[in-house]
Amino acid sequence: MMKKLYFVITILFFSISSFGQDDVEAIGFSEALKAHLKKYNVQSDIAYNNNDKQKGQILFDSLVAHHLVGTQFEDYTLKSFEKRKIKLSSFKKPVFILTYASWCIPSKGEIPALNKLAQKYAKDVQFVILFWDKKYQVKKIARKFNHNITVCYAHESYKNDALIVAHLKHTLGFPTSYFLDKDLKVVNIKRGGAQPDKKSSYVKAYTMNYNTFREGLGSLLIDKNITQEQLTTN
């Protein structure tokens, strides 16, 4: 009886130890990309060449869910438009990063939707817009974002930007949304905003973008009941 009890306790001890060890030693985000991106790209190219956007989205979601969620994001140093450098870890709260390029025009209602969400949830989440551009190229569009959004930029030609450009821009492309917890663990990754039809009204386009970004933020703010909030056009 004692031997059996000892055996059970030993198994439980190693199970708990292994759980804690896995939690602490999460694989790095860039390592996971390196291991799985090539296969994803091959399959994704086939899907899009066949004009099968649904299959392409399924492949992206599968890559994120099975290989990227739970990985450790790098503690990148970002260059903000306010002329200061910021490490992601300095925010001390969950981070939402949306990557853009100045020539990639956001859809109708997208920036106003982001501004509204940033105004509402700035205390709980750090909003970051990261442009793959030189500073002067971002200057005009940066003014359109709410003051609660940290607008940053990175470019291949800038010193120390090679790593973040290689890890993010040249892997999952843009626009891409990254949702990170306060310890910089990947909670979710999505494509950018909604894609409303060009004929959609401003109200409908705004609502679609608001709900798209709100859904992503819900993974960071589960205790805030944000998942219950949804705008309608009715």
Protein backbone atom coordinates (compact mmCIF):
# COMPACT_ATOMS: atom_id res chain seq x y z
CA MET A 1 0.00 0.00 0.00
CA MET A 2 2.80 2.41 0.96
CA LYS A 3 4.71 1.58 -2.24
CA LYS A 4 1.61 2.28 -4.30
CA LEU A 5 1.05 5.61 -2.53
CA TYR A 6 4.70 6.56 -3.04
CA PHE A 7 4.43 5.72 -6.72
CA VAL A 8 1.34 7.95 -7.13
CA ILE A 9 2.98 10.86 -5.28
CA THR A 10 6.12 10.51 -7.43
CA ILE A 11 4.09 10.58 -10.63
CA LEU A 12 2.20 13.68 -9.44
CA PHE A 13 5.46 15.40 -8.47
CA PHE A 14 7.05 14.88 -11.87
CA SER A 15 3.84 15.85 -13.65
CA ILE A 16 3.64 19.14 -11.74
CA SER A 17 7.36 19.76 -12.23
CA SER A 18 7.11 19.14 -15.96
CA PHE A 19 4.12 21.49 -16.24
CA GLY A 20 5.97 24.31 -14.52
CA GLN A 21 9.10 23.72 -16.58
CA ASP A 22 7.20 23.82 -19.86
CA ASP A 23 5.44 26.99 -18.77
CA VAL A 24 8.73 28.75 -17.97
CA GLU A 25 10.70 27.48 -20.93
CA ALA A 26 8.26 28.39 -23.68
CA ILE A 27 9.72 28.11 -27.15
CA GLY A 28 10.55 31.44 -28.77
CA PHE A 29 8.17 32.89 -31.36
CA SER A 30 10.91 33.24 -33.97
CA GLU A 31 12.06 29.64 -33.34
CA ALA A 32 8.52 28.37 -33.91
CA LEU A 33 8.28 30.36 -37.14
CA LYS A 34 11.59 28.98 -38.34
CA ALA A 35 10.38 25.44 -37.69
CA HIS A 36 6.95 25.69 -39.31
CA LEU A 37 6.81 28.67 -41.68
CA LYS A 38 8.27 26.93 -44.74
CA LYS A 39 5.62 24.22 -44.78
CA TYR A 40 2.89 26.81 -44.22
CA ASN A 41 4.15 28.98 -47.08
CA VAL A 42 4.15 26.06 -49.52
CA GLN A 43 0.59 25.07 -48.64
CA SER A 44 -0.60 28.69 -48.49
CA ASP A 45 0.85 29.50 -51.92
CA ILE A 46 -1.01 26.55 -53.42
CA ALA A 47 -4.27 27.67 -51.82
CA TYR A 48 -4.01 31.26 -53.02
CA ASN A 49 -2.82 30.23 -56.47
CA ASN A 50 -6.05 28.24 -56.68
CA ASN A 51 -7.92 31.34 -55.48
CA ASP A 52 -9.02 29.40 -52.40
CA LYS A 53 -8.97 32.19 -49.82
CA GLN A 54 -10.92 30.14 -47.32
CA LYS A 55 -8.29 27.37 -47.35
CA GLY A 56 -5.58 30.04 -47.03
CA GLN A 57 -7.25 31.45 -43.93
CA ILE A 58 -7.68 27.98 -42.44
CA LEU A 59 -3.97 27.30 -42.94
CA PHE A 60 -3.06 30.60 -41.27
CA ASP A 61 -5.35 29.94 -38.31
CA SER A 62 -3.92 26.43 -37.96
CA LEU A 63 -0.33 27.71 -37.95
CA VAL A 64 -1.22 30.21 -35.23
CA ALA A 65 -3.27 27.84 -33.07
CA HIS A 66 -0.96 24.81 -33.22
CA HIS A 67 2.50 26.38 -33.38
CA LEU A 68 2.56 30.06 -32.41
CA VAL A 69 0.11 30.54 -29.53
CA GLY A 70 1.98 30.21 -26.23
CA THR A 71 5.39 30.99 -27.70
CA GLN A 72 7.59 33.70 -26.20
CA PHE A 73 7.64 36.90 -28.22
CA GLU A 74 10.99 38.68 -28.42
CA ASP A 75 11.39 41.77 -26.24
CA TYR A 76 11.93 44.07 -29.20
CA THR A 77 12.99 47.68 -28.79
CA LEU A 78 10.66 49.88 -30.83
CA LYS A 79 11.26 53.37 -32.15
CA SER A 80 8.21 55.47 -31.43
CA PHE A 81 7.18 58.48 -33.45
CA GLU A 82 7.70 60.61 -30.31
CA LYS A 83 11.46 60.15 -30.71
CA ARG A 84 11.96 57.61 -27.94
CA LYS A 85 12.88 53.96 -27.85
CA ILE A 86 10.63 51.56 -25.98
CA LYS A 87 11.12 47.92 -25.01
CA LEU A 88 7.94 45.87 -25.18
CA SER A 89 8.49 44.60 -21.64
CA SER A 90 8.37 48.16 -20.30
CA PHE A 91 4.62 48.36 -20.91
CA LYS A 92 3.89 45.97 -18.00
CA LYS A 93 0.49 45.00 -19.46
CA PRO A 94 -0.90 43.05 -22.42
CA VAL A 95 0.14 44.42 -25.80
CA PHE A 96 -1.75 44.64 -29.07
CA ILE A 97 0.56 45.24 -32.06
CA LEU A 98 -0.82 45.96 -35.51
CA THR A 99 1.67 46.10 -38.38
CA TYR A 100 1.13 48.37 -41.36
CA ALA A 101 2.94 50.10 -44.20
CA SER A 102 2.20 53.73 -45.08
CA TRP A 103 1.36 52.77 -48.67
CA CYS A 104 -1.05 50.04 -47.53
CA ILE A 105 -4.17 52.14 -46.97
CA PRO A 106 -6.35 50.97 -44.03
CA SER A 107 -9.91 50.10 -44.96
CA LYS A 108 -12.80 52.50 -44.46
CA GLY A 109 -13.52 53.06 -40.76
CA GLU A 110 -10.45 51.12 -39.61
CA ILE A 111 -8.48 53.92 -37.92
CA PRO A 112 -11.55 55.41 -36.18
CA ALA A 113 -12.41 51.93 -34.84
CA LEU A 114 -8.89 51.49 -33.48
CA ASN A 115 -8.98 54.95 -31.93
CA LYS A 116 -12.26 54.22 -30.18
CA LEU A 117 -11.00 50.92 -28.78
CA ALA A 118 -7.72 52.48 -27.65
CA GLN A 119 -9.60 55.23 -25.87
CA LYS A 120 -11.78 52.65 -24.13
CA TYR A 121 -9.18 50.03 -23.16
CA ALA A 122 -5.92 51.98 -22.83
CA LYS A 123 -5.70 51.20 -19.10
CA ASP A 124 -5.76 47.47 -19.74
CA VAL A 125 -3.92 47.05 -23.04
CA GLN A 126 -1.03 48.85 -24.72
CA PHE A 127 -1.95 49.65 -28.32
CA VAL A 128 0.98 49.76 -30.76
CA ILE A 129 0.90 50.51 -34.48
CA LEU A 130 4.13 49.43 -36.17
CA PHE A 131 4.83 50.77 -39.66
CA TRP A 132 7.39 49.09 -41.92
CA ASP A 133 8.59 52.46 -43.16
CA LYS A 134 11.11 55.20 -42.65
CA LYS A 135 10.09 57.89 -40.20
CA TYR A 136 9.30 60.58 -42.75
CA GLN A 137 6.94 58.21 -44.56
CA VAL A 138 4.89 57.69 -41.40
CA LYS A 139 4.65 61.33 -40.28
CA LYS A 140 1.39 62.21 -42.00
CA ILE A 141 -0.63 59.10 -41.18
CA ALA A 142 0.68 58.91 -37.60
CA ARG A 143 -1.33 62.02 -36.71
CA LYS A 144 -4.57 60.17 -37.43
CA PHE A 145 -4.17 57.81 -34.47
CA ASN A 146 -5.44 58.43 -30.94
CA HIS A 147 -2.87 59.56 -28.36
CA ASN A 148 -3.41 56.26 -26.52
CA ILE A 149 -1.84 54.43 -29.45
CA THR A 150 1.95 54.28 -29.63
CA VAL A 151 2.93 54.74 -33.26
CA CYS A 152 6.28 53.15 -34.16
CA TYR A 153 8.32 52.47 -37.27
CA ALA A 154 11.02 50.08 -38.44
CA HIS A 155 12.91 49.74 -41.71
CA GLU A 156 15.59 47.51 -43.18
CA SER A 157 17.91 50.46 -43.62
CA TYR A 158 17.83 51.48 -39.97
CA LYS A 159 20.42 50.20 -37.55
CA ASN A 160 19.15 47.46 -35.24
CA ASP A 161 15.89 46.95 -37.18
CA ALA A 162 17.03 43.89 -39.14
CA LEU A 163 15.82 41.40 -36.53
CA ILE A 164 12.28 42.68 -36.08
CA VAL A 165 11.88 43.16 -39.85
CA ALA A 166 13.04 39.59 -40.48
CA HIS A 167 10.88 38.08 -37.70
CA LEU A 168 7.64 39.93 -38.43
CA LYS A 169 7.55 41.71 -41.80
CA HIS A 170 9.17 38.97 -43.89
CA THR A 171 7.28 36.09 -42.27
CA LEU A 172 3.58 36.70 -41.69
CA GLY A 173 3.43 39.88 -43.75
CA PHE A 174 1.11 42.78 -43.04
CA PRO A 175 -1.31 43.97 -41.91
CA THR A 176 -1.08 41.50 -39.02
CA SER A 177 -2.37 41.78 -35.45
CA TYR A 178 -0.34 40.31 -32.57
CA PHE A 179 -2.00 39.86 -29.17
CA LEU A 180 0.50 39.35 -26.34
CA ASP A 181 -0.05 38.90 -22.61
CA LYS A 182 1.84 41.01 -20.05
CA ASP A 183 4.72 38.51 -20.11
CA LEU A 184 4.92 38.77 -23.92
CA LYS A 185 3.53 35.29 -24.53
CA VAL A 186 1.58 35.03 -27.79
CA VAL A 187 -2.14 34.77 -27.04
CA ASN A 188 -3.36 35.12 -30.61
CA ILE A 189 -2.37 36.36 -34.06
CA LYS A 190 -4.80 37.54 -36.70
CA ARG A 191 -4.73 39.30 -40.02
CA GLY A 192 -5.43 43.04 -39.87
CA GLY A 193 -8.85 44.64 -39.76
CA ALA A 194 -12.05 43.74 -41.56
CA GLN A 195 -12.38 43.85 -45.31
CA PRO A 196 -15.66 45.67 -45.95
CA ASP A 197 -16.90 45.97 -49.51
CA LYS A 198 -15.99 49.25 -51.20
CA LYS A 199 -19.68 50.02 -51.49
CA SER A 200 -20.24 49.55 -47.75
CA SER A 201 -21.42 52.59 -45.81
CA TYR A 202 -19.02 54.23 -43.38
CA VAL A 203 -21.14 53.02 -40.44
CA LYS A 204 -21.06 49.40 -41.63
CA ALA A 205 -17.30 49.52 -42.36
CA TYR A 206 -16.55 51.10 -38.97
CA THR A 207 -18.70 48.52 -37.20
CA MET A 208 -17.03 45.61 -38.99
CA ASN A 209 -13.56 46.88 -38.07
CA TYR A 210 -14.54 47.64 -34.50
CA ASN A 211 -15.93 44.14 -33.98
CA THR A 212 -12.93 42.49 -35.68
CA PHE A 213 -10.38 44.20 -33.43
CA ARG A 214 -12.63 43.89 -30.38
CA GLU A 215 -12.79 40.12 -30.89
CA GLY A 216 -8.99 39.94 -30.84
CA LEU A 217 -8.77 42.11 -27.74
CA GLY A 218 -11.21 39.77 -26.05
CA SER A 219 -8.44 37.16 -25.79
CA LEU A 220 -6.47 39.65 -23.66
CA LEU A 221 -9.39 40.97 -21.60
CA ILE A 222 -11.38 37.88 -20.72
CA ASP A 223 -12.12 39.21 -17.22
CA LYS A 224 -13.47 42.50 -18.62
CA ASN A 225 -16.43 40.84 -20.40
CA ILE A 226 -15.28 42.47 -23.63
CA THR A 227 -16.40 39.38 -25.53
CA GLN A 228 -19.99 40.35 -24.75
CA GLU A 229 -19.60 43.74 -26.41
CA GLN A 230 -20.47 43.96 -30.07
CA LEU A 231 -21.63 46.85 -32.21
CA THR A 232 -24.46 46.41 -34.66
CA THR A 233 -25.53 48.47 -37.62
CA ASN A 234 -29.20 48.17 -36.70
